[in-house]
Protein backbone atom coordinates (compact mmCIF):
# COMPACT_ATOMS: atom_id res chain seq x y z
CA UNK A 1 -55.46 -42.64 55.94
CA UNK A 2 -51.97 -41.15 55.71
CA UNK A 3 -50.61 -44.21 53.87
CA UNK A 4 -53.44 -44.07 51.36
CA UNK A 5 -53.60 -40.33 50.74
CA UNK A 6 -50.03 -39.34 51.51
CA UNK A 7 -49.00 -36.02 52.97
CA UNK A 8 -50.21 -33.96 49.99
CA UNK A 9 -53.09 -31.71 51.11
CA UNK A 10 -54.49 -31.82 47.57
CA UNK A 11 -56.46 -34.92 48.49
CA UNK A 12 -58.37 -32.98 51.12
CA UNK A 13 -59.02 -30.22 48.60
CA UNK A 14 -60.58 -32.79 46.26
CA UNK A 15 -62.79 -34.08 49.06
CA UNK A 16 -63.84 -30.52 49.89
CA UNK A 17 -64.59 -29.79 46.22
CA UNK A 18 -66.77 -32.91 46.00
CA UNK A 19 -68.70 -31.77 49.08
CA UNK A 20 -69.11 -28.25 47.69
CA UNK A 21 -70.27 -29.70 44.35
CA UNK A 22 -73.29 -31.24 46.04
CA UNK A 23 -73.81 -28.25 48.35
CA UNK A 24 -73.94 -25.85 45.40
CA UNK A 25 -76.01 -28.20 43.24
CA UNK A 26 -78.62 -29.13 45.84
CA UNK A 27 -78.61 -25.61 47.27
CA UNK A 28 -79.17 -24.14 43.83
CA UNK A 29 -82.02 -26.49 42.98
CA UNK A 30 -83.60 -26.05 46.39
CA UNK A 31 -83.44 -22.28 45.97
CA UNK A 32 -85.08 -22.57 42.54
CA UNK A 33 -87.86 -25.07 43.17
CA UNK A 34 -88.53 -24.84 46.91
CA UNK A 35 -87.60 -21.31 47.97
CA UNK A 36 -88.45 -19.73 44.58
CA UNK A 37 -85.25 -17.65 44.72
CA UNK A 38 -84.06 -17.85 41.14
CA UNK A 39 -81.24 -15.31 41.48
CA UNK A 40 -79.69 -17.19 44.40
CA UNK A 41 -80.23 -20.43 42.48
CA UNK A 42 -78.34 -19.09 39.46
CA UNK A 43 -75.44 -17.90 41.62
CA UNK A 44 -75.11 -21.27 43.35
CA UNK A 45 -75.35 -23.27 40.11
CA UNK A 46 -72.74 -21.06 38.44
CA UNK A 47 -70.36 -22.02 41.25
CA UNK A 48 -70.57 -25.71 40.25
CA UNK A 49 -68.35 -25.53 37.11
CA UNK A 50 -66.04 -23.05 38.86
CA UNK A 51 -65.00 -25.88 41.16
CA UNK A 52 -63.29 -27.55 38.19
CA UNK A 53 -61.30 -24.38 37.55
CA UNK A 54 -60.18 -24.35 41.19
CA UNK A 55 -59.17 -28.01 41.04
CA UNK A 56 -57.20 -27.63 37.80
CA UNK A 57 -55.39 -24.54 39.11
CA UNK A 58 -54.43 -26.19 42.39
CA UNK A 59 -53.30 -29.42 40.70
CA UNK A 60 -51.13 -27.61 38.17
CA UNK A 61 -49.72 -25.40 40.90
CA UNK A 62 -48.90 -28.40 43.07
CA UNK A 63 -47.04 -30.15 40.25
CA UNK A 64 -45.28 -26.93 39.27
CA UNK A 65 -43.88 -26.72 42.79
CA UNK A 66 -42.17 -30.05 42.23
CA UNK A 67 -44.56 -32.48 43.90
CA UNK A 68 -44.17 -36.03 42.60
CA UNK A 69 -47.40 -37.36 41.06
CA UNK A 70 -49.25 -39.60 43.50
CA UNK A 71 -52.72 -40.85 44.29
CA UNK A 72 -54.03 -37.34 44.95
CA UNK A 73 -53.09 -36.20 41.43
CA UNK A 74 -54.65 -39.31 39.89
CA UNK A 75 -57.83 -38.66 41.85
CA UNK A 76 -57.84 -35.03 40.74
CA UNK A 77 -57.63 -36.07 37.09
CA UNK A 78 -60.39 -38.66 37.54
CA UNK A 79 -62.62 -36.15 39.28
CA UNK A 80 -62.06 -33.60 36.53
CA UNK A 81 -62.80 -36.15 33.80
CA UNK A 82 -65.94 -37.35 35.55
CA UNK A 83 -67.36 -33.88 36.11
CA UNK A 84 -66.71 -32.88 32.48
CA UNK A 85 -68.04 -36.16 31.09
CA UNK A 86 -70.93 -36.85 33.46
CA UNK A 87 -71.40 -33.63 35.40
CA UNK A 88 -73.93 -32.01 33.06
CA UNK A 89 -76.02 -35.18 32.95
CA UNK A 90 -75.89 -35.44 36.76
CA UNK A 91 -77.13 -31.86 37.06
CA UNK A 92 -79.90 -32.51 34.53
CA UNK A 93 -81.08 -35.59 36.40
CA UNK A 94 -81.09 -33.74 39.71
CA UNK A 95 -82.92 -30.80 38.14
CA UNK A 96 -85.51 -33.17 36.69
CA UNK A 97 -86.06 -34.82 40.07
CA UNK A 98 -86.60 -31.46 41.76
CA UNK A 99 -88.95 -30.36 38.96
CA UNK A 100 -91.07 -33.51 39.35
CA UNK A 101 -91.02 -33.42 43.15
CA UNK A 102 -91.60 -29.72 43.76
CA UNK A 103 -92.88 -28.16 40.51
CA UNK A 104 -95.34 -30.80 39.29
CA UNK A 105 -93.39 -31.69 36.16
CA UNK A 106 -94.29 -34.90 34.39
CA UNK A 107 -92.20 -37.90 35.35
CA UNK A 108 -90.40 -39.35 32.34
CA UNK A 109 -90.31 -43.12 32.07
CA UNK A 110 -86.88 -44.48 31.24
CA UNK A 111 -86.82 -46.69 28.15
CA UNK A 112 -85.68 -50.28 28.65
CA UNK A 113 -85.62 -51.25 24.98
CA UNK A 114 -86.17 -49.86 21.53
CA UNK A 115 -84.53 -46.98 19.66
CA UNK A 116 -84.63 -44.55 22.61
CA UNK A 117 -82.90 -47.06 24.86
CA UNK A 118 -80.21 -47.59 22.23
CA UNK A 119 -79.70 -43.85 21.87
CA UNK A 120 -79.38 -43.46 25.64
CA UNK A 121 -76.74 -46.20 25.73
CA UNK A 122 -74.77 -44.41 23.04
CA UNK A 123 -75.08 -41.13 24.95
CA UNK A 124 -73.83 -42.76 28.16
CA UNK A 125 -70.91 -44.33 26.32
CA UNK A 126 -70.18 -40.95 24.77
CA UNK A 127 -69.94 -39.45 28.25
CA UNK A 128 -67.47 -42.16 29.21
CA UNK A 129 -65.52 -41.39 26.05
CA UNK A 130 -65.33 -37.72 27.05
CA UNK A 131 -64.02 -38.75 30.47
CA UNK A 132 -61.44 -40.99 28.78
CA UNK A 133 -60.37 -38.19 26.44
CA UNK A 134 -59.85 -35.89 29.43
CA UNK A 135 -58.17 -38.31 31.83
CA UNK A 136 -55.90 -40.50 29.72
CA UNK A 137 -54.00 -37.73 27.88
CA UNK A 138 -53.55 -35.83 31.15
CA UNK A 139 -52.25 -38.92 32.94
CA UNK A 140 -49.84 -39.80 30.14
CA UNK A 141 -48.55 -36.24 29.79
CA UNK A 142 -48.12 -36.03 33.55
CA UNK A 143 -46.13 -39.25 33.58
CA UNK A 144 -43.99 -38.31 30.58
CA UNK A 145 -43.09 -34.89 31.97
CA UNK A 146 -42.26 -36.16 35.45
CA UNK A 147 -40.77 -39.66 35.22
CA UNK A 148 -40.64 -40.62 31.54
CA UNK A 149 -40.87 -44.23 30.38
CA UNK A 150 -38.83 -47.23 31.50
CA UNK A 151 -40.65 -50.20 29.94
CA UNK A 152 -42.16 -51.50 33.17
CA UNK A 153 -45.50 -49.91 32.31
CA UNK A 154 -46.33 -52.83 30.02
CA UNK A 155 -45.81 -55.48 32.69
CA UNK A 156 -49.12 -57.26 33.47
CA UNK A 157 -48.57 -57.02 37.22
CA UNK A 158 -48.46 -53.20 36.97
CA UNK A 159 -52.02 -52.85 35.65
CA UNK A 160 -53.66 -52.46 39.04
CA UNK A 161 -50.77 -50.64 40.66
CA UNK A 162 -52.47 -47.45 41.86
CA UNK A 163 -50.79 -47.05 45.23
CA UNK A 164 -50.30 -43.49 46.43
CA UNK A 165 -46.86 -42.10 45.77
CA UNK A 166 -46.07 -44.55 42.96
CA UNK A 167 -45.77 -42.71 39.67
CA UNK A 168 -46.53 -45.94 37.79
CA UNK A 169 -50.12 -45.42 38.96
CA UNK A 170 -50.48 -42.75 36.25
CA UNK A 171 -50.04 -45.23 33.41
CA UNK A 172 -51.91 -47.98 35.27
CA UNK A 173 -54.94 -45.76 35.74
CA UNK A 174 -54.89 -44.83 32.05
CA UNK A 175 -54.95 -48.52 31.13
CA UNK A 176 -57.76 -49.27 33.56
CA UNK A 177 -59.84 -46.45 32.07
CA UNK A 178 -59.20 -47.83 28.59
CA UNK A 179 -60.37 -51.29 29.63
CA UNK A 180 -63.49 -49.79 31.25
CA UNK A 181 -64.27 -47.83 28.09
CA UNK A 182 -63.96 -50.95 25.90
CA UNK A 183 -66.17 -53.00 28.23
CA UNK A 184 -68.70 -50.15 28.43
CA UNK A 185 -68.78 -49.84 24.63
CA UNK A 186 -69.36 -53.56 24.09
CA UNK A 187 -71.83 -54.15 26.92
CA UNK A 188 -73.65 -50.85 26.40
CA UNK A 189 -74.35 -49.43 22.94
CA UNK A 190 -73.12 -52.43 20.94
CA UNK A 191 -75.19 -54.90 22.94
CA UNK A 192 -78.19 -52.56 22.96
CA UNK A 193 -77.98 -52.01 19.19
CA UNK A 194 -77.81 -55.75 18.49
CA UNK A 195 -80.30 -57.12 21.01
CA UNK A 196 -82.40 -54.44 22.74
CA UNK A 197 -83.65 -52.47 19.74
CA UNK A 198 -84.84 -55.51 17.75
CA UNK A 199 -88.31 -55.79 19.29
CA UNK A 200 -89.09 -52.17 18.58
CA UNK A 201 -88.03 -52.60 14.95
CA UNK A 202 -90.18 -55.73 14.57
CA UNK A 203 -93.23 -53.93 15.98
CA UNK A 204 -92.93 -51.23 13.34
């Protein structure tokens, strides 16, 4: 554990924030749909986005104190990007599940083809794009301000180098996210637009 996470306590803060994310989310929805305590529900759900503020403040403060970027900072950036890109959708899905389970809301069938399926693929890819736009600039700025550039970032063997304590992991993670975004774009909305919306168009 120590070799993976290093001695920086920030990693444990990130783990705690992830736990509190689900505690506040599930607690808020339980308060709303099961306990019928809407005021408590609102308070708990408001705490969810505040966790991002806490994480950003602690990460900036840690770097400002002179800590060398390591795995914990990479994880903090990834967590921030994910919660901004996918957090709202995650909350909506959880809210919908609680509404169906405890409030008698109608269950929505997920489209597997046709225009709605294509739109959902574009929305999902858009969320990944938001995550990319948050994470990659932060990782590159962090690397530039702390260690600069030495040319080794472009070496193929450095792509998967995300070991804790190695500042090259900043650029490597940015490249991995870029590859994921490209694959997601091609296999998601592009594929859906070309092959999964055809039947619906023919039926009309």
